[in-house]
Protein backbone atom coordinates (compact mmCIF):
# COMPACT_ATOMS: atom_id res chain seq x y z
CA MET A 1 -0.09 -0.03 -0.03
CA ASN A 2 2.99 2.25 0.23
CA ASP A 3 2.93 2.77 -3.61
CA LEU A 4 -0.29 4.50 -3.36
CA ILE A 5 0.03 8.32 -4.01
CA TYR A 6 -2.64 9.20 -1.60
CA ALA A 7 -2.27 6.20 0.87
CA ASP A 8 -3.64 8.12 3.95
CA GLU A 9 -6.49 9.54 2.18
CA THR A 10 -7.47 6.28 0.60
CA TYR A 11 -7.30 4.54 3.84
CA ARG A 12 -9.74 7.15 5.40
CA MET A 13 -12.13 6.80 2.36
CA ARG A 14 -12.22 3.06 2.52
CA GLY A 15 -12.82 3.10 6.25
CA ALA A 16 -15.86 5.36 5.65
CA LEU A 17 -17.20 3.06 2.87
CA PHE A 18 -16.85 0.14 5.31
CA GLU A 19 -18.55 1.97 8.00
CA VAL A 20 -21.54 2.62 5.59
CA TYR A 21 -21.64 -0.98 4.56
CA LYS A 22 -21.47 -2.17 8.20
CA HIS A 23 -24.56 -0.17 9.08
CA LEU A 24 -26.72 -0.53 6.02
CA GLY A 25 -25.57 -3.88 4.51
CA CYS A 26 -26.44 -4.77 0.99
CA GLY A 27 -29.53 -4.61 -1.11
CA PHE A 28 -30.51 -0.78 -1.27
CA LEU A 29 -30.26 1.36 -4.52
CA GLU A 30 -27.24 3.48 -5.11
CA ALA A 31 -29.09 6.73 -4.03
CA VAL A 32 -29.32 5.30 -0.43
CA TYR A 33 -25.61 4.44 -0.36
CA GLN A 34 -24.55 7.88 -1.96
CA GLU A 35 -26.59 9.88 0.82
CA ALA A 36 -24.95 7.62 3.54
CA VAL A 37 -21.30 7.95 2.18
CA GLU A 38 -21.83 11.89 2.10
CA LEU A 39 -23.00 11.81 5.64
CA GLU A 40 -20.01 9.64 6.59
CA PHE A 41 -17.53 11.63 4.67
CA ILE A 42 -19.01 14.90 6.55
CA ILE A 43 -18.39 12.97 9.87
CA CYS A 44 -14.99 11.87 8.96
CA LYS A 45 -14.25 15.47 7.62
CA ILE A 46 -13.33 14.08 4.16
CA PRO A 47 -13.88 16.84 1.54
CA PHE A 48 -15.96 15.88 -1.53
CA GLN A 49 -17.91 16.99 -4.24
CA ILE A 50 -21.43 15.43 -4.99
CA GLN A 51 -22.28 14.14 -8.43
CA LYS A 52 -19.21 15.41 -10.27
CA GLU A 53 -19.66 15.06 -13.96
CA ILE A 54 -17.25 12.92 -16.19
CA VAL A 55 -17.49 13.31 -19.87
CA ILE A 56 -17.01 9.86 -21.57
CA LYS A 57 -15.22 9.51 -24.85
CA TYR A 58 -15.50 6.55 -27.31
CA LYS A 59 -12.86 6.49 -30.05
CA ASN A 60 -12.41 10.31 -29.86
CA ASN A 61 -16.10 10.89 -29.71
CA THR A 62 -17.84 12.45 -26.79
CA LEU A 63 -20.81 10.32 -25.58
CA LYS A 64 -24.18 11.80 -24.77
CA GLN A 65 -24.32 9.90 -21.61
CA LYS A 66 -22.40 11.24 -18.63
CA TYR A 67 -21.14 9.47 -15.66
CA PHE A 68 -21.63 11.03 -12.08
CA LEU A 69 -19.65 10.18 -9.07
CA ILE A 70 -18.79 11.41 -5.66
CA SER A 71 -15.18 12.97 -5.91
CA THR A 72 -13.05 13.55 -2.97
CA SER A 73 -10.66 16.41 -2.72
CA THR A 74 -7.06 15.72 -1.74
CA ASN A 75 -6.22 19.27 -0.93
């Protein structure tokens, strides 16, 4: 794990994700987990952005579909 650029940040984020899973388990829709992760990141003081838009390209063409994710800040 020493090869990771942001090893400490990654460790904290994984801990927050495991905490959410420990409390909710499996079977919910993505929106439930997203909200829980947002709350856990706030509790853990992990900076993040909600629904960051990622443009997807396929063979140098921009797709109409976008991908949205929770993005953490490493600043």
